[in-house]
């Protein structure tokens, strides 16, 4: 099914109006989910009407319940990064899950959420491409947005908040730190986009380890 949706990571708390004091949420409650779903629906449709005033929206959009699923996120910086990597740096399906390709069909593995096990599915090539392209963003869409104190314009407030919470800010490593040195710089390669610039090798990145949960 075509299933447009967004994933949001929301901090369990907020800044007070002074911009420096952190107010944590209760450990067992963040927001009322039913009220949040109604508010999200109203704001989304209001913005849609402003952006597309000539499009007639079906009346059922205002009465049909919208789903806002809210749950505690994974804990720990490493777990959060693994969670984000699935949506930010991966495509709809990894190469390891594509098991066979013929002139007419594609066989791949998928995880059955009900049975909690991996299964196989074979689809015609056109249907496989149709499902794959549902994960391609339309032109002009951005995959990741930052809001609140995560926005680039709020860097000063974010630094004050980190100092208030006792977070040690780490200095980013230099370009060659932690990477094997390049013995001899290769000859510059013309940029395939602008043609006038050149591409120059800076360092080689070691391959990242495979994430758990993906069958071999």
C-alpha atoms as a PDB file:
ATOM      1  CA  UNK A   1       0.000   0.000   0.000  1.00  0.00           C
ATOM      2  CA  UNK A   2       1.130   3.538  -0.727  1.00  0.00           C
ATOM      3  CA  UNK A   3       1.916   4.801   2.751  1.00  0.00           C
ATOM      4  CA  UNK A   4       3.302   8.375   2.958  1.00  0.00           C
ATOM      5  CA  UNK A   5       4.526   9.136   6.475  1.00  0.00           C
ATOM      6  CA  UNK A   6       7.220  10.934   8.432  1.00  0.00           C
ATOM      7  CA  UNK A   7       9.457   9.839  11.291  1.00  0.00           C
ATOM      8  CA  UNK A   8      10.141  12.409  14.011  1.00  0.00           C
ATOM      9  CA  UNK A   9      12.596  12.219  16.880  1.00  0.00           C
ATOM     10  CA  UNK A  10      11.300  14.531  19.613  1.00  0.00           C
ATOM     11  CA  UNK A  11      13.365  15.417  22.701  1.00  0.00           C
ATOM     12  CA  UNK A  12      11.740  14.462  26.004  1.00  0.00           C
ATOM     13  CA  UNK A  13      11.625  18.035  27.204  1.00  0.00           C
ATOM     14  CA  UNK A  14      12.014  21.618  26.077  1.00  0.00           C
ATOM     15  CA  UNK A  15      13.784  24.883  26.752  1.00  0.00           C
ATOM     16  CA  UNK A  16      12.155  27.374  29.057  1.00  0.00           C
ATOM     17  CA  UNK A  17      11.467  30.874  27.683  1.00  0.00           C
ATOM     18  CA  UNK A  18      14.845  32.063  29.041  1.00  0.00           C
ATOM     19  CA  UNK A  19      16.509  29.896  26.377  1.00  0.00           C
ATOM     20  CA  UNK A  20      18.990  28.274  28.743  1.00  0.00           C
ATOM     21  CA  UNK A  21      17.041  26.175  31.265  1.00  0.00           C
ATOM     22  CA  UNK A  22      15.979  22.659  30.326  1.00  0.00           C
ATOM     23  CA  UNK A  23      12.588  21.374  31.437  1.00  0.00           C
ATOM     24  CA  UNK A  24      12.375  17.577  31.130  1.00  0.00           C
ATOM     25  CA  UNK A  25       9.150  15.761  30.424  1.00  0.00           C
ATOM     26  CA  UNK A  26       7.676  13.196  32.767  1.00  0.00           C
ATOM     27  CA  UNK A  27       9.304   9.791  32.502  1.00  0.00           C
ATOM     28  CA  UNK A  28       6.037   8.042  31.569  1.00  0.00           C
ATOM     29  CA  UNK A  29       4.278  10.702  29.460  1.00  0.00           C
ATOM     30  CA  UNK A  30       5.190  13.209  26.761  1.00  0.00           C
ATOM     31  CA  UNK A  31       2.066  14.334  24.840  1.00  0.00           C
ATOM     32  CA  UNK A  32      -1.580  13.167  24.470  1.00  0.00           C
ATOM     33  CA  UNK A  33      -1.489  11.128  21.275  1.00  0.00           C
ATOM     34  CA  UNK A  34      -5.148  11.625  20.270  1.00  0.00           C
ATOM     35  CA  UNK A  35      -4.906  15.389  20.633  1.00  0.00           C
ATOM     36  CA  UNK A  36      -1.594  15.343  18.761  1.00  0.00           C
ATOM     37  CA  UNK A  37      -3.117  13.450  15.822  1.00  0.00           C
ATOM     38  CA  UNK A  38      -5.973  15.986  15.527  1.00  0.00           C
ATOM     39  CA  UNK A  39      -3.598  18.922  15.744  1.00  0.00           C
ATOM     40  CA  UNK A  40      -1.263  17.411  13.162  1.00  0.00           C
ATOM     41  CA  UNK A  41      -4.181  16.776  10.795  1.00  0.00           C
ATOM     42  CA  UNK A  42      -5.473  20.345  11.154  1.00  0.00           C
ATOM     43  CA  UNK A  43      -2.072  21.948  10.573  1.00  0.00           C
ATOM     44  CA  UNK A  44      -1.226  19.685   7.658  1.00  0.00           C
ATOM     45  CA  UNK A  45      -4.500  20.296   5.825  1.00  0.00           C
ATOM     46  CA  UNK A  46      -4.405  24.037   6.528  1.00  0.00           C
ATOM     47  CA  UNK A  47      -0.935  24.271   5.016  1.00  0.00           C
ATOM     48  CA  UNK A  48      -2.049  22.124   2.095  1.00  0.00           C
ATOM     49  CA  UNK A  49      -4.949  24.495   1.395  1.00  0.00           C
ATOM     50  CA  UNK A  50      -2.602  27.484   1.385  1.00  0.00           C
ATOM     51  CA  UNK A  51      -0.095  25.818  -0.912  1.00  0.00           C
ATOM     52  CA  UNK A  52      -2.708  24.331  -3.290  1.00  0.00           C
ATOM     53  CA  UNK A  53      -5.759  26.627  -3.176  1.00  0.00           C
ATOM     54  CA  UNK A  54      -7.171  25.357  -6.476  1.00  0.00           C
ATOM     55  CA  UNK A  55      -7.243  21.710  -5.424  1.00  0.00           C
ATOM     56  CA  UNK A  56     -10.495  20.439  -3.895  1.00  0.00           C
ATOM     57  CA  UNK A  57      -9.711  18.319  -0.848  1.00  0.00           C
ATOM     58  CA  UNK A  58     -12.078  15.409  -0.094  1.00  0.00           C
ATOM     59  CA  UNK A  59     -14.279  16.213   2.932  1.00  0.00           C
ATOM     60  CA  UNK A  60     -13.339  12.880   4.492  1.00  0.00           C
ATOM     61  CA  UNK A  61      -9.823  14.162   5.182  1.00  0.00           C
ATOM     62  CA  UNK A  62     -11.202  16.299   8.000  1.00  0.00           C
ATOM     63  CA  UNK A  63     -13.212  13.528   9.643  1.00  0.00           C
ATOM     64  CA  UNK A  64     -11.109  10.424   9.088  1.00  0.00           C
ATOM     65  CA  UNK A  65      -8.815   9.782  12.098  1.00  0.00           C
ATOM     66  CA  UNK A  66      -5.148  10.304  11.356  1.00  0.00           C
ATOM     67  CA  UNK A  67      -2.604   8.006  12.967  1.00  0.00           C
ATOM     68  CA  UNK A  68       0.128   9.534  15.118  1.00  0.00           C
ATOM     69  CA  UNK A  69       2.103   6.722  16.714  1.00  0.00           C
ATOM     70  CA  UNK A  70       4.175   7.884  19.668  1.00  0.00           C
ATOM     71  CA  UNK A  71       6.517   5.670  21.689  1.00  0.00           C
ATOM     72  CA  UNK A  72       9.803   5.980  23.613  1.00  0.00           C
ATOM     73  CA  UNK A  73      12.737   5.977  21.250  1.00  0.00           C
ATOM     74  CA  UNK A  74      15.767   3.754  21.403  1.00  0.00           C
ATOM     75  CA  UNK A  75      18.177   4.752  24.146  1.00  0.00           C
ATOM     76  CA  UNK A  76      21.844   5.594  23.782  1.00  0.00           C
ATOM     77  CA  UNK A  77      23.650   7.568  21.089  1.00  0.00           C
ATOM     78  CA  UNK A  78      24.826   4.451  19.214  1.00  0.00           C
ATOM     79  CA  UNK A  79      21.296   3.013  19.065  1.00  0.00           C
ATOM     80  CA  UNK A  80      19.850   6.353  17.889  1.00  0.00           C
ATOM     81  CA  UNK A  81      22.457   6.590  15.132  1.00  0.00           C
ATOM     82  CA  UNK A  82      21.659   3.057  13.944  1.00  0.00           C
ATOM     83  CA  UNK A  83      17.958   3.941  13.901  1.00  0.00           C
ATOM     84  CA  UNK A  84      18.533   7.114  11.906  1.00  0.00           C
ATOM     85  CA  UNK A  85      20.904   5.393   9.476  1.00  0.00           C
ATOM     86  CA  UNK A  86      18.118   3.082   8.305  1.00  0.00           C
ATOM     87  CA  UNK A  87      16.135   6.041   6.999  1.00  0.00           C
ATOM     88  CA  UNK A  88      18.793   8.604   6.143  1.00  0.00           C
ATOM     89  CA  UNK A  89      21.570   6.656   4.422  1.00  0.00           C
ATOM     90  CA  UNK A  90      19.750   3.616   3.068  1.00  0.00           C
ATOM     91  CA  UNK A  91      17.551   3.146   0.045  1.00  0.00           C
ATOM     92  CA  UNK A  92      14.287   1.223  -0.014  1.00  0.00           C
ATOM     93  CA  UNK A  93      16.049  -2.151  -0.092  1.00  0.00           C
ATOM     94  CA  UNK A  94      19.647  -3.254   0.356  1.00  0.00           C
ATOM     95  CA  UNK A  95      21.524  -5.271  -2.253  1.00  0.00           C
ATOM     96  CA  UNK A  96      21.847  -8.179   0.196  1.00  0.00           C
ATOM     97  CA  UNK A  97      18.058  -8.619   0.233  1.00  0.00           C
ATOM     98  CA  UNK A  98      17.780  -8.970  -3.544  1.00  0.00           C
ATOM     99  CA  UNK A  99      18.181 -12.727  -3.979  1.00  0.00           C
ATOM    100  CA  UNK A 100      17.559 -13.256  -7.696  1.00  0.00           C
ATOM    101  CA  UNK A 101      16.887 -11.166 -10.803  1.00  0.00           C
ATOM    102  CA  UNK A 102      15.652 -12.512 -14.124  1.00  0.00           C
ATOM    103  CA  UNK A 103      14.389 -10.808 -17.261  1.00  0.00           C
ATOM    104  CA  UNK A 104      10.852 -10.853 -15.839  1.00  0.00           C
ATOM    105  CA  UNK A 105      10.962 -11.242 -12.033  1.00  0.00           C
ATOM    106  CA  UNK A 106      12.815 -10.095  -8.923  1.00  0.00           C
ATOM    107  CA  UNK A 107      13.070 -12.241  -5.792  1.00  0.00           C
ATOM    108  CA  UNK A 108      13.912 -10.546  -2.506  1.00  0.00           C
ATOM    109  CA  UNK A 109      13.672 -11.125   1.233  1.00  0.00           C
ATOM    110  CA  UNK A 110      11.492  -9.126   3.587  1.00  0.00           C
ATOM    111  CA  UNK A 111      10.731  -9.184   7.283  1.00  0.00           C
ATOM    112  CA  UNK A 112       7.269 -10.367   8.272  1.00  0.00           C
ATOM    113  CA  UNK A 113       6.304  -8.043  11.119  1.00  0.00           C
ATOM    114  CA  UNK A 114       3.560 -10.375  12.346  1.00  0.00           C
ATOM    115  CA  UNK A 115       5.582 -13.590  12.390  1.00  0.00           C
ATOM    116  CA  UNK A 116       8.890 -11.866  13.286  1.00  0.00           C
ATOM    117  CA  UNK A 117      10.782 -13.807  10.645  1.00  0.00           C
ATOM    118  CA  UNK A 118      12.321 -13.264   7.220  1.00  0.00           C
ATOM    119  CA  UNK A 119      10.430 -14.473   4.137  1.00  0.00           C
ATOM    120  CA  UNK A 120      10.892 -14.417   0.367  1.00  0.00           C
ATOM    121  CA  UNK A 121       8.768 -12.726  -2.260  1.00  0.00           C
ATOM    122  CA  UNK A 122       8.907 -12.786  -6.065  1.00  0.00           C
ATOM    123  CA  UNK A 123       7.389  -9.918  -8.054  1.00  0.00           C
ATOM    124  CA  UNK A 124       7.266  -8.958 -11.732  1.00  0.00           C
ATOM    125  CA  UNK A 125       9.997  -6.490 -12.575  1.00  0.00           C
ATOM    126  CA  UNK A 126       7.564  -3.633 -13.236  1.00  0.00           C
ATOM    127  CA  UNK A 127       5.802  -4.132  -9.887  1.00  0.00           C
ATOM    128  CA  UNK A 128       9.146  -4.270  -8.069  1.00  0.00           C
ATOM    129  CA  UNK A 129      10.174  -0.964  -9.663  1.00  0.00           C
ATOM    130  CA  UNK A 130       6.809   0.588  -8.817  1.00  0.00           C
ATOM    131  CA  UNK A 131       7.216  -0.273  -5.148  1.00  0.00           C
ATOM    132  CA  UNK A 132      10.847   0.813  -5.150  1.00  0.00           C
ATOM    133  CA  UNK A 133      10.070   4.230  -6.656  1.00  0.00           C
ATOM    134  CA  UNK A 134       7.487   4.901  -3.946  1.00  0.00           C
ATOM    135  CA  UNK A 135      10.509   5.481  -1.702  1.00  0.00           C
ATOM    136  CA  UNK A 136      12.041   8.078  -4.048  1.00  0.00           C
ATOM    137  CA  UNK A 137      11.356  11.622  -2.882  1.00  0.00           C
ATOM    138  CA  UNK A 138       9.725  14.001  -5.381  1.00  0.00           C
ATOM    139  CA  UNK A 139      11.865  16.878  -6.689  1.00  0.00           C
ATOM    140  CA  UNK A 140      12.322  19.620  -4.119  1.00  0.00           C
ATOM    141  CA  UNK A 141      11.743  17.394  -1.090  1.00  0.00           C
ATOM    142  CA  UNK A 142      14.407  17.065   1.600  1.00  0.00           C
ATOM    143  CA  UNK A 143      14.828  13.800   3.441  1.00  0.00           C
ATOM    144  CA  UNK A 144      15.905  15.325   6.778  1.00  0.00           C
ATOM    145  CA  UNK A 145      14.744  18.512   8.498  1.00  0.00           C
ATOM    146  CA  UNK A 146      15.912  20.007  11.794  1.00  0.00           C
ATOM    147  CA  UNK A 147      13.593  22.080  13.971  1.00  0.00           C
ATOM    148  CA  UNK A 148      13.728  23.860  17.310  1.00  0.00           C
ATOM    149  CA  UNK A 149      17.109  23.946  19.001  1.00  0.00           C
ATOM    150  CA  UNK A 150      18.401  21.423  16.425  1.00  0.00           C
ATOM    151  CA  UNK A 151      17.957  23.964  13.622  1.00  0.00           C
ATOM    152  CA  UNK A 152      21.194  25.469  12.248  1.00  0.00           C
ATOM    153  CA  UNK A 153      20.016  28.955  13.270  1.00  0.00           C
ATOM    154  CA  UNK A 154      19.732  27.832  16.917  1.00  0.00           C
ATOM    155  CA  UNK A 155      23.362  26.830  17.349  1.00  0.00           C
ATOM    156  CA  UNK A 156      23.994  29.405  20.083  1.00  0.00           C
ATOM    157  CA  UNK A 157      21.005  28.213  22.121  1.00  0.00           C
ATOM    158  CA  UNK A 158      22.063  24.592  21.587  1.00  0.00           C
ATOM    159  CA  UNK A 159      25.575  25.283  22.896  1.00  0.00           C
ATOM    160  CA  UNK A 160      24.137  26.972  25.993  1.00  0.00           C
ATOM    161  CA  UNK A 161      21.826  24.014  26.554  1.00  0.00           C
ATOM    162  CA  UNK A 162      24.694  21.546  26.213  1.00  0.00           C
ATOM    163  CA  UNK A 163      26.694  23.513  28.770  1.00  0.00           C
ATOM    164  CA  UNK A 164      23.696  23.552  31.133  1.00  0.00           C
ATOM    165  CA  UNK A 165      23.268  19.767  30.809  1.00  0.00           C
ATOM    166  CA  UNK A 166      26.999  19.148  31.272  1.00  0.00           C
ATOM    167  CA  UNK A 167      27.565  17.793  27.764  1.00  0.00           C
ATOM    168  CA  UNK A 168      31.191  17.894  26.647  1.00  0.00           C
ATOM    169  CA  UNK A 169      31.440  19.185  23.101  1.00  0.00           C
ATOM    170  CA  UNK A 170      34.016  17.275  21.064  1.00  0.00           C
ATOM    171  CA  UNK A 171      36.215  18.932  18.497  1.00  0.00           C
ATOM    172  CA  UNK A 172      35.727  17.407  15.041  1.00  0.00           C
ATOM    173  CA  UNK A 173      38.750  15.392  13.866  1.00  0.00           C
ATOM    174  CA  UNK A 174      41.045  16.809  11.250  1.00  0.00           C
ATOM    175  CA  UNK A 175      40.524  15.461   7.705  1.00  0.00           C
ATOM    176  CA  UNK A 176      43.423  12.977   7.943  1.00  0.00           C
ATOM    177  CA  UNK A 177      42.938  11.963  11.588  1.00  0.00           C
ATOM    178  CA  UNK A 178      42.090   8.284  12.021  1.00  0.00           C
ATOM    179  CA  UNK A 179      42.579   7.496   8.332  1.00  0.00           C
ATOM    180  CA  UNK A 180      45.466   5.698   6.674  1.00  0.00           C
ATOM    181  CA  UNK A 181      47.779   8.178   4.969  1.00  0.00           C
ATOM    182  CA  UNK A 182      47.703   8.415   1.227  1.00  0.00           C
ATOM    183  CA  UNK A 183      51.145   7.540  -0.076  1.00  0.00           C
ATOM    184  CA  UNK A 184      51.094   9.665  -3.191  1.00  0.00           C
ATOM    185  CA  UNK A 185      48.368  12.001  -4.388  1.00  0.00           C
ATOM    186  CA  UNK A 186      47.007  10.869  -7.751  1.00  0.00           C
ATOM    187  CA  UNK A 187      46.635  13.168 -10.675  1.00  0.00           C
ATOM    188  CA  UNK A 188      43.602  15.477 -10.439  1.00  0.00           C
ATOM    189  CA  UNK A 189      40.477  14.228 -12.204  1.00  0.00           C
ATOM    190  CA  UNK A 190      38.155  16.736 -13.921  1.00  0.00           C
ATOM    191  CA  UNK A 191      34.799  17.145 -12.182  1.00  0.00           C
ATOM    192  CA  UNK A 192      32.119  15.346 -14.240  1.00  0.00           C
ATOM    193  CA  UNK A 193      29.523  17.995 -13.314  1.00  0.00           C
ATOM    194  CA  UNK A 194      31.126  21.387 -13.911  1.00  0.00           C
ATOM    195  CA  UNK A 195      34.109  20.145 -15.989  1.00  0.00           C
ATOM    196  CA  UNK A 196      36.142  23.184 -14.887  1.00  0.00           C
ATOM    197  CA  UNK A 197      36.922  21.910 -11.358  1.00  0.00           C
ATOM    198  CA  UNK A 198      39.030  18.935 -10.340  1.00  0.00           C
ATOM    199  CA  UNK A 199      38.509  16.014  -7.961  1.00  0.00           C
ATOM    200  CA  UNK A 200      41.349  15.308  -5.545  1.00  0.00           C
ATOM    201  CA  UNK A 201      41.665  12.291  -3.238  1.00  0.00           C
ATOM    202  CA  UNK A 202      41.841  13.350   0.410  1.00  0.00           C
ATOM    203  CA  UNK A 203      41.622  10.045   2.290  1.00  0.00           C
ATOM    204  CA  UNK A 204      40.170   6.557   2.097  1.00  0.00           C
ATOM    205  CA  UNK A 205      37.341   5.543   4.451  1.00  0.00           C
ATOM    206  CA  UNK A 206      37.372   2.099   5.999  1.00  0.00           C
ATOM    207  CA  UNK A 207      34.227   0.025   5.238  1.00  0.00           C
ATOM    208  CA  UNK A 208      31.579   0.268   7.954  1.00  0.00           C
ATOM    209  CA  UNK A 209      30.540  -2.953   9.723  1.00  0.00           C
ATOM    210  CA  UNK A 210      27.222  -4.532   8.740  1.00  0.00           C
ATOM    211  CA  UNK A 211      24.250  -3.778  10.944  1.00  0.00           C
ATOM    212  CA  UNK A 212      22.557  -6.635  12.736  1.00  0.00           C
ATOM    213  CA  UNK A 213      19.124  -7.850  11.675  1.00  0.00           C
ATOM    214  CA  UNK A 214      19.844  -8.196   7.937  1.00  0.00           C
ATOM    215  CA  UNK A 215      20.075 -11.781   6.683  1.00  0.00           C
ATOM    216  CA  UNK A 216      23.220 -12.788   4.780  1.00  0.00           C
END
